[in-house]
Amino acid sequence: MELGMSRPVRGDDDEDIDEDSPPSLEDLKAKAARQWEKEIGTVEVIDDPVRMYLREIGRVDLLKAPQERELARKFEAKRYVERLNEELAGDDGNSPKARKIISEMLRSIGDNENIIISIL
């Protein structure tokens, strides 16, 4: 057969299908499954949930040390602001205004100025 020539392919219903026609959904799914199997290597069935979990988590990129520290700082800052928000909430349960939270943060820094200076 010459290059560029399409040859008919037999389908399940014995109709001639031209190779240039768009692939069916089943063909696309089968192709994607074959590609996925190639990418992950051998496919094995794992009955042990712990082993399955460890295998799956091994595929996830872990945080680097600086990323982990940055994330921890963000969590700690969020907790600090939430705690201040609870402490400064009004008697009616309304959240305090941002300037009240900021002024409390600045007051706290001022109260701890000696500690900060000794660290620096």
PDB file of N, CA and C in Angstrom:
ATOM      1  N   MET A   1       0.854  -1.183   0.000  1.00  0.00           N
ATOM      2  CA  MET A   1       0.000   0.000   0.000  1.00  0.00           C
ATOM      3  C   MET A   1       0.892   1.236   0.000  1.00  0.00           C
ATOM      4  N   GLU A   2       0.513   2.237  -0.776  1.00  0.00           N
ATOM      5  CA  GLU A   2       1.317   3.444  -0.895  1.00  0.00           C
ATOM      6  C   GLU A   2       1.041   4.376   0.274  1.00  0.00           C
ATOM      7  N   LEU A   3       2.028   5.238   0.560  1.00  0.00           N
ATOM      8  CA  LEU A   3       1.844   6.226   1.614  1.00  0.00           C
ATOM      9  C   LEU A   3       0.763   7.201   1.201  1.00  0.00           C
ATOM     10  N   GLY A   4       0.004   7.637   2.167  1.00  0.00           N
ATOM     11  CA  GLY A   4      -1.033   8.621   1.897  1.00  0.00           C
ATOM     12  C   GLY A   4      -2.342   7.979   1.496  1.00  0.00           C
ATOM     13  N   MET A   5      -2.344   6.706   1.225  1.00  0.00           N
ATOM     14  CA  MET A   5      -3.568   6.014   0.845  1.00  0.00           C
ATOM     15  C   MET A   5      -4.231   5.499   2.113  1.00  0.00           C
ATOM     16  N   SER A   6      -5.510   5.695   2.218  1.00  0.00           N
ATOM     17  CA  SER A   6      -6.198   5.156   3.381  1.00  0.00           C
ATOM     18  C   SER A   6      -6.805   3.823   2.999  1.00  0.00           C
ATOM     19  N   ARG A   7      -6.799   2.917   3.936  1.00  0.00           N
ATOM     20  CA  ARG A   7      -7.372   1.614   3.660  1.00  0.00           C
ATOM     21  C   ARG A   7      -8.601   1.451   4.537  1.00  0.00           C
ATOM     22  N   PRO A   8      -9.583   0.768   4.045  1.00  0.00           N
ATOM     23  CA  PRO A   8     -10.781   0.570   4.865  1.00  0.00           C
ATOM     24  C   PRO A   8     -10.478  -0.345   6.038  1.00  0.00           C
ATOM     25  N   VAL A   9     -11.125  -0.073   7.131  1.00  0.00           N
ATOM     26  CA  VAL A   9     -10.965  -0.862   8.342  1.00  0.00           C
ATOM     27  C   VAL A   9     -12.314  -1.470   8.659  1.00  0.00           C
ATOM     28  N   ARG A  10     -12.315  -2.734   9.038  1.00  0.00           N
ATOM     29  CA  ARG A  10     -13.570  -3.394   9.372  1.00  0.00           C
ATOM     30  C   ARG A  10     -13.991  -3.033  10.791  1.00  0.00           C
ATOM     31  N   GLY A  11     -15.221  -2.588  10.942  1.00  0.00           N
ATOM     32  CA  GLY A  11     -15.762  -2.286  12.255  1.00  0.00           C
ATOM     33  C   GLY A  11     -16.480  -3.493  12.809  1.00  0.00           C
ATOM     34  N   ASP A  12     -17.065  -3.344  13.991  1.00  0.00           N
ATOM     35  CA  ASP A  12     -17.788  -4.443  14.614  1.00  0.00           C
ATOM     36  C   ASP A  12     -19.022  -4.831  13.813  1.00  0.00           C
ATOM     37  N   ASP A  13     -19.616  -3.851  13.148  1.00  0.00           N
ATOM     38  CA  ASP A  13     -20.821  -4.124  12.374  1.00  0.00           C
ATOM     39  C   ASP A  13     -20.507  -4.401  10.907  1.00  0.00           C
ATOM     40  N   ASP A  14     -19.249  -4.707  10.595  1.00  0.00           N
ATOM     41  CA  ASP A  14     -18.777  -5.071   9.256  1.00  0.00           C
ATOM     42  C   ASP A  14     -19.004  -3.977   8.223  1.00  0.00           C
ATOM     43  N   GLU A  15     -19.131  -2.734   8.640  1.00  0.00           N
ATOM     44  CA  GLU A  15     -19.198  -1.631   7.693  1.00  0.00           C
ATOM     45  C   GLU A  15     -17.793  -1.135   7.453  1.00  0.00           C
ATOM     46  N   ASP A  16     -17.516  -0.640   6.236  1.00  0.00           N
ATOM     47  CA  ASP A  16     -16.211  -0.067   5.954  1.00  0.00           C
ATOM     48  C   ASP A  16     -16.115   1.297   6.615  1.00  0.00           C
ATOM     49  N   ILE A  17     -15.008   1.505   7.352  1.00  0.00           N
ATOM     50  CA  ILE A  17     -14.774   2.782   8.028  1.00  0.00           C
ATOM     51  C   ILE A  17     -13.492   3.353   7.474  1.00  0.00           C
ATOM     52  N   ASP A  18     -13.521   4.596   7.059  1.00  0.00           N
ATOM     53  CA  ASP A  18     -12.342   5.255   6.509  1.00  0.00           C
ATOM     54  C   ASP A  18     -11.456   5.706   7.663  1.00  0.00           C
ATOM     55  N   GLU A  19     -10.125   5.511   7.547  1.00  0.00           N
ATOM     56  CA  GLU A  19      -9.199   5.916   8.605  1.00  0.00           C
ATOM     57  C   GLU A  19      -9.208   7.423   8.829  1.00  0.00           C
ATOM     58  N   ASP A  20      -9.615   8.202   7.844  1.00  0.00           N
ATOM     59  CA  ASP A  20      -9.636   9.653   7.978  1.00  0.00           C
ATOM     60  C   ASP A  20     -10.844  10.147   8.766  1.00  0.00           C
ATOM     61  N   SER A  21     -11.810   9.278   9.032  1.00  0.00           N
ATOM     62  CA  SER A  21     -12.984   9.706   9.783  1.00  0.00           C
ATOM     63  C   SER A  21     -12.589   9.908  11.241  1.00  0.00           C
ATOM     64  N   PRO A  22     -13.295  10.775  11.960  1.00  0.00           N
ATOM     65  CA  PRO A  22     -12.937  11.029  13.362  1.00  0.00           C
ATOM     66  C   PRO A  22     -13.117   9.760  14.191  1.00  0.00           C
ATOM     67  N   PRO A  23     -12.246   9.554  15.186  1.00  0.00           N
ATOM     68  CA  PRO A  23     -12.334   8.339  16.006  1.00  0.00           C
ATOM     69  C   PRO A  23     -13.570   8.377  16.900  1.00  0.00           C
ATOM     70  N   SER A  24     -14.068   7.201  17.207  1.00  0.00           N
ATOM     71  CA  SER A  24     -15.238   7.112  18.079  1.00  0.00           C
ATOM     72  C   SER A  24     -14.810   7.335  19.529  1.00  0.00           C
ATOM     73  N   LEU A  25     -15.786   7.541  20.372  1.00  0.00           N
ATOM     74  CA  LEU A  25     -15.519   7.768  21.791  1.00  0.00           C
ATOM     75  C   LEU A  25     -14.839   6.551  22.417  1.00  0.00           C
ATOM     76  N   GLU A  26     -15.278   5.355  22.018  1.00  0.00           N
ATOM     77  CA  GLU A  26     -14.668   4.134  22.552  1.00  0.00           C
ATOM     78  C   GLU A  26     -13.206   4.041  22.144  1.00  0.00           C
ATOM     79  N   ASP A  27     -12.900   4.410  20.880  1.00  0.00           N
ATOM     80  CA  ASP A  27     -11.514   4.380  20.415  1.00  0.00           C
ATOM     81  C   ASP A  27     -10.652   5.355  21.214  1.00  0.00           C
ATOM     82  N   LEU A  28     -11.200   6.542  21.473  1.00  0.00           N
ATOM     83  CA  LEU A  28     -10.454   7.540  22.244  1.00  0.00           C
ATOM     84  C   LEU A  28     -10.205   7.061  23.674  1.00  0.00           C
ATOM     85  N   LYS A  29     -11.226   6.429  24.271  1.00  0.00           N
ATOM     86  CA  LYS A  29     -11.063   5.912  25.632  1.00  0.00           C
ATOM     87  C   LYS A  29     -10.012   4.814  25.674  1.00  0.00           C
ATOM     88  N   ALA A  30     -10.049   3.922  24.685  1.00  0.00           N
ATOM     89  CA  ALA A  30      -9.074   2.830  24.646  1.00  0.00           C
ATOM     90  C   ALA A  30      -7.663   3.369  24.456  1.00  0.00           C
ATOM     91  N   LYS A  31      -7.522   4.373  23.583  1.00  0.00           N
ATOM     92  CA  LYS A  31      -6.210   4.969  23.344  1.00  0.00           C
ATOM     93  C   LYS A  31      -5.693   5.645  24.617  1.00  0.00           C
ATOM     94  N   ALA A  32      -6.572   6.365  25.317  1.00  0.00           N
ATOM     95  CA  ALA A  32      -6.179   7.035  26.558  1.00  0.00           C
ATOM     96  C   ALA A  32      -5.772   6.008  27.616  1.00  0.00           C
ATOM     97  N   ALA A  33      -6.493   4.896  27.682  1.00  0.00           N
ATOM     98  CA  ALA A  33      -6.151   3.857  28.656  1.00  0.00           C
ATOM     99  C   ALA A  33      -4.794   3.243  28.340  1.00  0.00           C
ATOM    100  N   ARG A  34      -4.520   2.987  27.059  1.00  0.00           N
ATOM    101  CA  ARG A  34      -3.215   2.433  26.678  1.00  0.00           C
ATOM    102  C   ARG A  34      -2.097   3.412  27.002  1.00  0.00           C
ATOM    103  N   GLN A  35      -2.316   4.692  26.731  1.00  0.00           N
ATOM    104  CA  GLN A  35      -1.314   5.715  27.020  1.00  0.00           C
ATOM    105  C   GLN A  35      -1.062   5.810  28.519  1.00  0.00           C
ATOM    106  N   TRP A  36      -2.124   5.761  29.304  1.00  0.00           N
ATOM    107  CA  TRP A  36      -1.994   5.832  30.759  1.00  0.00           C
ATOM    108  C   TRP A  36      -1.199   4.643  31.277  1.00  0.00           C
ATOM    109  N   GLU A  37      -1.482   3.449  30.750  1.00  0.00           N
ATOM    110  CA  GLU A  37      -0.751   2.257  31.175  1.00  0.00           C
ATOM    111  C   GLU A  37       0.727   2.356  30.828  1.00  0.00           C
ATOM    112  N   LYS A  38       1.039   2.951  29.673  1.00  0.00           N
ATOM    113  CA  LYS A  38       2.443   3.141  29.296  1.00  0.00           C
ATOM    114  C   LYS A  38       3.140   4.074  30.278  1.00  0.00           C
ATOM    115  N   GLU A  39       2.441   5.138  30.673  1.00  0.00           N
ATOM    116  CA  GLU A  39       3.039   6.144  31.551  1.00  0.00           C
ATOM    117  C   GLU A  39       3.282   5.607  32.956  1.00  0.00           C
ATOM    118  N   ILE A  40       2.385   4.787  33.466  1.00  0.00           N
ATOM    119  CA  ILE A  40       2.560   4.310  34.837  1.00  0.00           C
ATOM    120  C   ILE A  40       3.339   3.014  34.910  1.00  0.00           C
ATOM    121  N   GLY A  41       3.616   2.426  33.777  1.00  0.00           N
ATOM    122  CA  GLY A  41       4.362   1.163  33.774  1.00  0.00           C
ATOM    123  C   GLY A  41       3.419  -0.003  33.917  1.00  0.00           C
ATOM    124  N   THR A  42       3.809  -0.964  34.679  1.00  0.00           N
ATOM    125  CA  THR A  42       2.976  -2.146  34.827  1.00  0.00           C
ATOM    126  C   THR A  42       1.776  -1.830  35.699  1.00  0.00           C
ATOM    127  N   VAL A  43       0.678  -2.445  35.343  1.00  0.00           N
ATOM    128  CA  VAL A  43      -0.544  -2.262  36.108  1.00  0.00           C
ATOM    129  C   VAL A  43      -0.680  -3.457  37.033  1.00  0.00           C
ATOM    130  N   GLU A  44      -0.795  -3.181  38.317  1.00  0.00           N
ATOM    131  CA  GLU A  44      -0.961  -4.269  39.268  1.00  0.00           C
ATOM    132  C   GLU A  44      -2.136  -3.946  40.169  1.00  0.00           C
ATOM    133  N   VAL A  45      -2.813  -4.967  40.585  1.00  0.00           N
ATOM    134  CA  VAL A  45      -3.945  -4.800  41.480  1.00  0.00           C
ATOM    135  C   VAL A  45      -3.416  -4.903  42.907  1.00  0.00           C
ATOM    136  N   ILE A  46      -3.760  -3.908  43.713  1.00  0.00           N
ATOM    137  CA  ILE A  46      -3.293  -3.871  45.097  1.00  0.00           C
ATOM    138  C   ILE A  46      -4.506  -4.019  46.003  1.00  0.00           C
ATOM    139  N   ASP A  47      -4.487  -5.054  46.834  1.00  0.00           N
ATOM    140  CA  ASP A  47      -5.594  -5.287  47.754  1.00  0.00           C
ATOM    141  C   ASP A  47      -5.396  -4.571  49.081  1.00  0.00           C
ATOM    142  N   ASP A  48      -4.157  -4.272  49.424  1.00  0.00           N
ATOM    143  CA  ASP A  48      -3.830  -3.650  50.698  1.00  0.00           C
ATOM    144  C   ASP A  48      -4.017  -2.139  50.594  1.00  0.00           C
ATOM    145  N   PRO A  49      -4.966  -1.560  51.346  1.00  0.00           N
ATOM    146  CA  PRO A  49      -5.209  -0.117  51.243  1.00  0.00           C
ATOM    147  C   PRO A  49      -4.008   0.732  51.647  1.00  0.00           C
ATOM    148  N   VAL A  50      -3.222   0.260  52.617  1.00  0.00           N
ATOM    149  CA  VAL A  50      -2.046   1.028  53.041  1.00  0.00           C
ATOM    150  C   VAL A  50      -1.025   1.070  51.916  1.00  0.00           C
ATOM    151  N   ARG A  51      -0.782  -0.066  51.300  1.00  0.00           N
ATOM    152  CA  ARG A  51       0.158  -0.121  50.186  1.00  0.00           C
ATOM    153  C   ARG A  51      -0.336   0.753  49.022  1.00  0.00           C
ATOM    154  N   MET A  52      -1.651   0.724  48.773  1.00  0.00           N
ATOM    155  CA  MET A  52      -2.214   1.544  47.703  1.00  0.00           C
ATOM    156  C   MET A  52      -2.009   3.029  48.012  1.00  0.00           C
ATOM    157  N   TYR A  53      -2.259   3.412  49.275  1.00  0.00           N
ATOM    158  CA  TYR A  53      -2.076   4.804  49.680  1.00  0.00           C
ATOM    159  C   TYR A  53      -0.622   5.233  49.509  1.00  0.00           C
ATOM    160  N   LEU A  54       0.298   4.400  49.975  1.00  0.00           N
ATOM    161  CA  LEU A  54       1.717   4.747  49.866  1.00  0.00           C
ATOM    162  C   LEU A  54       2.152   4.852  48.411  1.00  0.00           C
ATOM    163  N   ARG A  55       1.621   3.995  47.577  1.00  0.00           N
ATOM    164  CA  ARG A  55       1.971   4.056  46.154  1.00  0.00           C
ATOM    165  C   ARG A  55       1.455   5.355  45.531  1.00  0.00           C
ATOM    166  N   GLU A  56       0.204   5.701  45.850  1.00  0.00           N
ATOM    167  CA  GLU A  56      -0.381   6.918  45.284  1.00  0.00           C
ATOM    168  C   GLU A  56       0.314   8.169  45.803  1.00  0.00           C
ATOM    169  N   ILE A  57       0.613   8.216  47.096  1.00  0.00           N
ATOM    170  CA  ILE A  57       1.238   9.415  47.659  1.00  0.00           C
ATOM    171  C   ILE A  57       2.659   9.578  47.150  1.00  0.00           C
ATOM    172  N   GLY A  58       3.283   8.476  46.754  1.00  0.00           N
ATOM    173  CA  GLY A  58       4.627   8.549  46.188  1.00  0.00           C
ATOM    174  C   GLY A  58       4.672   9.274  44.861  1.00  0.00           C
ATOM    175  N   ARG A  59       3.528   9.422  44.233  1.00  0.00           N
ATOM    176  CA  ARG A  59       3.457  10.116  42.941  1.00  0.00           C
ATOM    177  C   ARG A  59       3.275  11.623  43.094  1.00  0.00           C
ATOM    178  N   VAL A  60       3.020  12.077  44.305  1.00  0.00           N
ATOM    179  CA  VAL A  60       2.754  13.493  44.555  1.00  0.00           C
ATOM    180  C   VAL A  60       4.055  14.184  44.946  1.00  0.00           C
ATOM    181  N   ASP A  61       4.304  15.331  44.333  1.00  0.00           N
ATOM    182  CA  ASP A  61       5.497  16.103  44.691  1.00  0.00           C
ATOM    183  C   ASP A  61       5.347  16.655  46.104  1.00  0.00           C
ATOM    184  N   LEU A  62       6.402  16.528  46.880  1.00  0.00           N
ATOM    185  CA  LEU A  62       6.391  17.044  48.244  1.00  0.00           C
ATOM    186  C   LEU A  62       6.874  18.487  48.258  1.00  0.00           C
ATOM    187  N   LEU A  63       6.558  19.192  49.347  1.00  0.00           N
ATOM    188  CA  LEU A  63       7.016  20.567  49.492  1.00  0.00           C
ATOM    189  C   LEU A  63       8.501  20.587  49.825  1.00  0.00           C
ATOM    190  N   LYS A  64       9.177  21.594  49.344  1.00  0.00           N
ATOM    191  CA  LYS A  64      10.567  21.836  49.735  1.00  0.00           C
ATOM    192  C   LYS A  64      10.533  22.529  51.096  1.00  0.00           C
ATOM    193  N   ALA A  65      11.651  22.543  51.803  1.00  0.00           N
ATOM    194  CA  ALA A  65      11.706  23.132  53.149  1.00  0.00           C
ATOM    195  C   ALA A  65      11.253  24.593  53.173  1.00  0.00           C
ATOM    196  N   PRO A  66      11.717  25.451  52.235  1.00  0.00           N
ATOM    197  CA  PRO A  66      11.248  26.844  52.270  1.00  0.00           C
ATOM    198  C   PRO A  66       9.738  26.967  52.029  1.00  0.00           C
ATOM    199  N   GLN A  67       9.196  26.112  51.159  1.00  0.00           N
ATOM    200  CA  GLN A  67       7.756  26.148  50.901  1.00  0.00           C
ATOM    201  C   GLN A  67       6.978  25.725  52.146  1.00  0.00           C
ATOM    202  N   GLU A  68       7.503  24.730  52.843  1.00  0.00           N
ATOM    203  CA  GLU A  68       6.845  24.252  54.053  1.00  0.00           C
ATOM    204  C   GLU A  68       6.854  25.329  55.140  1.00  0.00           C
ATOM    205  N   ARG A  69       7.988  26.029  55.298  1.00  0.00           N
ATOM    206  CA  ARG A  69       8.062  27.106  56.298  1.00  0.00           C
ATOM    207  C   ARG A  69       7.093  28.237  55.948  1.00  0.00           C
ATOM    208  N   GLU A  70       7.023  28.593  54.674  1.00  0.00           N
ATOM    209  CA  GLU A  70       6.117  29.664  54.240  1.00  0.00           C
ATOM    210  C   GLU A  70       4.665  29.282  54.518  1.00  0.00           C
ATOM    211  N   LEU A  71       4.311  28.051  54.224  1.00  0.00           N
ATOM    212  CA  LEU A  71       2.953  27.586  54.479  1.00  0.00           C
ATOM    213  C   LEU A  71       2.645  27.597  55.975  1.00  0.00           C
ATOM    214  N   ALA A  72       3.603  27.186  56.797  1.00  0.00           N
ATOM    215  CA  ALA A  72       3.414  27.196  58.253  1.00  0.00           C
ATOM    216  C   ALA A  72       3.223  28.621  58.762  1.00  0.00           C
ATOM    217  N   ARG A  73       3.993  29.569  58.216  1.00  0.00           N
ATOM    218  CA  ARG A  73       3.838  30.980  58.623  1.00  0.00           C
ATOM    219  C   ARG A  73       2.440  31.487  58.286  1.00  0.00           C
ATOM    220  N   LYS A  74       1.951  31.121  57.111  1.00  0.00           N
ATOM    221  CA  LYS A  74       0.613  31.569  56.705  1.00  0.00           C
ATOM    222  C   LYS A  74      -0.455  30.995  57.630  1.00  0.00           C
ATOM    223  N   PHE A  75      -0.327  29.704  57.976  1.00  0.00           N
ATOM    224  CA  PHE A  75      -1.286  29.095  58.895  1.00  0.00           C
ATOM    225  C   PHE A  75      -1.247  29.772  60.259  1.00  0.00           C
ATOM    226  N   GLU A  76      -0.048  30.025  60.753  1.00  0.00           N
ATOM    227  CA  GLU A  76       0.100  30.655  62.065  1.00  0.00           C
ATOM    228  C   GLU A  76      -0.477  32.075  62.050  1.00  0.00           C
ATOM    229  N   ALA A  77      -0.224  32.825  60.995  1.00  0.00           N
ATOM    230  CA  ALA A  77      -0.763  34.185  60.883  1.00  0.00           C
ATOM    231  C   ALA A  77      -2.287  34.152  60.847  1.00  0.00           C
ATOM    232  N   LYS A  78      -2.836  33.190  60.129  1.00  0.00           N
ATOM    233  CA  LYS A  78      -4.295  33.071  60.051  1.00  0.00           C
ATOM    234  C   LYS A  78      -4.873  32.766  61.431  1.00  0.00           C
ATOM    235  N   ARG A  79      -4.252  31.839  62.149  1.00  0.00           N
ATOM    236  CA  ARG A  79      -4.720  31.513  63.502  1.00  0.00           C
ATOM    237  C   ARG A  79      -4.649  32.725  64.424  1.00  0.00           C
ATOM    238  N   TYR A  80      -3.574  33.506  64.300  1.00  0.00           N
ATOM    239  CA  TYR A  80      -3.397  34.690  65.145  1.00  0.00           C
ATOM    240  C   TYR A  80      -4.518  35.698  64.889  1.00  0.00           C
ATOM    241  N   VAL A  81      -4.808  35.950  63.616  1.00  0.00           N
ATOM    242  CA  VAL A  81      -5.857  36.921  63.277  1.00  0.00           C
ATOM    243  C   VAL A  81      -7.221  36.393  63.721  1.00  0.00           C
ATOM    244  N   GLU A  82      -7.472  35.100  63.557  1.00  0.00           N
ATOM    245  CA  GLU A  82      -8.749  34.533  64.007  1.00  0.00           C
ATOM    246  C   GLU A  82      -8.903  34.663  65.523  1.00  0.00           C
ATOM    247  N   ARG A  83      -7.805  34.429  66.256  1.00  0.00           N
ATOM    248  CA  ARG A  83      -7.852  34.557  67.719  1.00  0.00           C
ATOM    249  C   ARG A  83      -8.137  36.002  68.119  1.00  0.00           C
ATOM    250  N   LEU A  84      -7.448  36.951  67.454  1.00  0.00           N
ATOM    251  CA  LEU A  84      -7.714  38.369  67.730  1.00  0.00           C
ATOM    252  C   LEU A  84      -9.157  38.720  67.402  1.00  0.00           C
ATOM    253  N   ASN A  85      -9.653  38.192  66.319  1.00  0.00           N
ATOM    254  CA  ASN A  85     -11.024  38.460  65.901  1.00  0.00           C
ATOM    255  C   ASN A  85     -12.009  37.991  66.977  1.00  0.00           C
ATOM    256  N   GLU A  86     -11.754  36.812  67.542  1.00  0.00           N
ATOM    257  CA  GLU A  86     -12.625  36.302  68.608  1.00  0.00           C
ATOM    258  C   GLU A  86     -12.509  37.148  69.872  1.00  0.00           C
ATOM    259  N   GLU A  87     -11.281  37.539  70.245  1.00  0.00           N
ATOM    260  CA  GLU A  87     -11.064  38.322  71.462  1.00  0.00           C
ATOM    261  C   GLU A  87     -11.679  39.709  71.360  1.00  0.00           C
ATOM    262  N   LEU A  88     -11.623  40.305  70.173  1.00  0.00           N
ATOM    263  CA  LEU A  88     -12.082  41.682  70.005  1.00  0.00           C
ATOM    264  C   LEU A  88     -13.526  41.779  69.526  1.00  0.00           C
ATOM    265  N   ALA A  89     -14.186  40.647  69.352  1.00  0.00           N
ATOM    266  CA  ALA A  89     -15.577  40.670  68.889  1.00  0.00           C
ATOM    267  C   ALA A  89     -16.440  41.396  69.916  1.00  0.00           C
ATOM    268  N   GLY A  90     -17.410  42.101  69.413  1.00  0.00           N
ATOM    269  CA  GLY A  90     -18.303  42.851  70.291  1.00  0.00           C
ATOM    270  C   GLY A  90     -19.200  41.921  71.098  1.00  0.00           C
ATOM    271  N   ASP A  91     -19.921  42.508  72.052  1.00  0.00           N
ATOM    272  CA  ASP A  91     -20.834  41.723  72.885  1.00  0.00           C
ATOM    273  C   ASP A  91     -21.935  41.077  72.052  1.00  0.00           C
ATOM    274  N   ASP A  92     -22.268  41.714  70.937  1.00  0.00           N
ATOM    275  CA  ASP A  92     -23.313  41.171  70.072  1.00  0.00           C
ATOM    276  C   ASP A  92     -22.778  40.100  69.110  1.00  0.00           C
ATOM    277  N   GLY A  93     -21.478  39.809  69.177  1.00  0.00           N
ATOM    278  CA  GLY A  93     -20.885  38.770  68.333  1.00  0.00           C
ATOM    279  C   GLY A  93     -20.397  39.256  66.987  1.00  0.00           C
ATOM    280  N   ASN A  94     -20.537  40.559  66.734  1.00  0.00           N
ATOM    281  CA  ASN A  94     -20.066  41.095  65.454  1.00  0.00           C
ATOM    282  C   ASN A  94     -18.543  41.140  65.421  1.00  0.00           C
ATOM    283  N   SER A  95     -17.990  40.908  64.250  1.00  0.00           N
ATOM    284  CA  SER A  95     -16.534  40.971  64.080  1.00  0.00           C
ATOM    285  C   SER A  95     -16.058  42.409  64.221  1.00  0.00           C
ATOM    286  N   PRO A  96     -14.871  42.593  64.788  1.00  0.00           N
ATOM    287  CA  PRO A  96     -14.333  43.955  64.918  1.00  0.00           C
ATOM    288  C   PRO A  96     -13.897  44.492  63.559  1.00  0.00           C
ATOM    289  N   LYS A  97     -13.780  45.796  63.478  1.00  0.00           N
ATOM    290  CA  LYS A  97     -13.303  46.418  62.244  1.00  0.00           C
ATOM    291  C   LYS A  97     -11.813  46.138  62.082  1.00  0.00           C
ATOM    292  N   ALA A  98     -11.355  46.200  60.855  1.00  0.00           N
ATOM    293  CA  ALA A  98      -9.953  45.895  60.540  1.00  0.00           C
ATOM    294  C   ALA A  98      -9.010  46.807  61.311  1.00  0.00           C
ATOM    295  N   ARG A  99      -9.364  48.096  61.455  1.00  0.00           N
ATOM    296  CA  ARG A  99      -8.451  49.017  62.138  1.00  0.00           C
ATOM    297  C   ARG A  99      -8.298  48.655  63.613  1.00  0.00           C
ATOM    298  N   LYS A 100      -9.345  48.084  64.208  1.00  0.00           N
ATOM    299  CA  LYS A 100      -9.251  47.666  65.605  1.00  0.00           C
ATOM    300  C   LYS A 100      -8.294  46.473  65.727  1.00  0.00           C
ATOM    301  N   ILE A 101      -8.367  45.546  64.787  1.00  0.00           N
ATOM    302  CA  ILE A 101      -7.460  44.388  64.794  1.00  0.00           C
ATOM    303  C   ILE A 101      -6.023  44.851  64.585  1.00  0.00           C
ATOM    304  N   ILE A 102      -5.816  45.757  63.635  1.00  0.00           N
ATOM    305  CA  ILE A 102      -4.462  46.253  63.341  1.00  0.00           C
ATOM    306  C   ILE A 102      -3.898  47.018  64.530  1.00  0.00           C
ATOM    307  N   SER A 103      -4.723  47.854  65.159  1.00  0.00           N
ATOM    308  CA  SER A 103      -4.221  48.615  66.311  1.00  0.00           C
ATOM    309  C   SER A 103      -3.850  47.670  67.456  1.00  0.00           C
ATOM    310  N   GLU A 104      -4.601  46.587  67.631  1.00  0.00           N
ATOM    311  CA  GLU A 104      -4.265  45.600  68.665  1.00  0.00           C
ATOM    312  C   GLU A 104      -2.958  44.892  68.321  1.00  0.00           C
ATOM    313  N   MET A 105      -2.743  44.595  67.057  1.00  0.00           N
ATOM    314  CA  MET A 105      -1.491  43.962  66.632  1.00  0.00           C
ATOM    315  C   MET A 105      -0.311  44.899  66.896  1.00  0.00           C
ATOM    316  N   LEU A 106      -0.470  46.170  66.568  1.00  0.00           N
ATOM    317  CA  LEU A 106       0.602  47.147  66.796  1.00  0.00           C
ATOM    318  C   LEU A 106       0.870  47.333  68.292  1.00  0.00           C
ATOM    319  N   ARG A 107      -0.193  47.347  69.096  1.00  0.00           N
ATOM    320  CA  ARG A 107      -0.026  47.463  70.542  1.00  0.00           C
ATOM    321  C   ARG A 107       0.741  46.259  71.079  1.00  0.00           C
ATOM    322  N   SER A 108       0.424  45.080  70.563  1.00  0.00           N
ATOM    323  CA  SER A 108       1.112  43.861  70.990  1.00  0.00           C
ATOM    324  C   SER A 108       2.594  43.915  70.626  1.00  0.00           C
ATOM    325  N   ILE A 109       2.895  44.443  69.452  1.00  0.00           N
ATOM    326  CA  ILE A 109       4.300  44.600  69.044  1.00  0.00           C
ATOM    327  C   ILE A 109       5.002  45.585  69.969  1.00  0.00           C
ATOM    328  N   GLY A 110       4.328  46.690  70.283  1.00  0.00           N
ATOM    329  CA  GLY A 110       4.908  47.690  71.190  1.00  0.00           C
ATOM    330  C   GLY A 110       5.162  47.118  72.574  1.00  0.00           C
ATOM    331  N   ASP A 111       4.223  46.284  73.053  1.00  0.00           N
ATOM    332  CA  ASP A 111       4.398  45.661  74.369  1.00  0.00           C
ATOM    333  C   ASP A 111       5.599  44.718  74.391  1.00  0.00           C
ATOM    334  N   ASN A 112       5.900  44.130  73.268  1.00  0.00           N
ATOM    335  CA  ASN A 112       6.998  43.162  73.178  1.00  0.00           C
ATOM    336  C   ASN A 112       8.243  43.760  72.526  1.00  0.00           C
ATOM    337  N   GLU A 113       8.342  45.072  72.508  1.00  0.00           N
ATOM    338  CA  GLU A 113       9.457  45.750  71.840  1.00  0.00           C
ATOM    339  C   GLU A 113      10.805  45.317  72.413  1.00  0.00           C
ATOM    340  N   ASN A 114      10.911  45.199  73.722  1.00  0.00           N
ATOM    341  CA  ASN A 114      12.187  44.802  74.343  1.00  0.00           C
ATOM    342  C   ASN A 114      12.621  43.407  73.890  1.00  0.00           C
ATOM    343  N   ILE A 115      11.673  42.497  73.790  1.00  0.00           N
ATOM    344  CA  ILE A 115      11.993  41.136  73.337  1.00  0.00           C
ATOM    345  C   ILE A 115      12.450  41.164  71.884  1.00  0.00           C
ATOM    346  N   ILE A 116      11.759  41.939  71.066  1.00  0.00           N
ATOM    347  CA  ILE A 116      12.101  42.034  69.643  1.00  0.00           C
ATOM    348  C   ILE A 116      13.496  42.621  69.467  1.00  0.00           C
ATOM    349  N   ILE A 117      13.800  43.673  70.226  1.00  0.00           N
ATOM    350  CA  ILE A 117      15.122  44.308  70.123  1.00  0.00           C
ATOM    351  C   ILE A 117      16.215  43.338  70.566  1.00  0.00           C
ATOM    352  N   SER A 118      15.963  42.578  71.624  1.00  0.00           N
ATOM    353  CA  SER A 118      16.987  41.635  72.090  1.00  0.00           C
ATOM    354  C   SER A 118      17.225  40.513  71.079  1.00  0.00           C
ATOM    355  N   ILE A 119      16.212  40.140  70.342  1.00  0.00           N
ATOM    356  CA  ILE A 119      16.372  39.103  69.313  1.00  0.00           C
ATOM    357  C   ILE A 119      17.169  39.644  68.136  1.00  0.00           C
ATOM    358  N   LEU A 120      16.860  40.867  67.740  1.00  0.00           N
ATOM    359  CA  LEU A 120      17.541  41.459  66.585  1.00  0.00           C
ATOM    360  C   LEU A 120      18.916  41.919  66.991  1.00  0.00           C
TER     361      LEU A 120
END
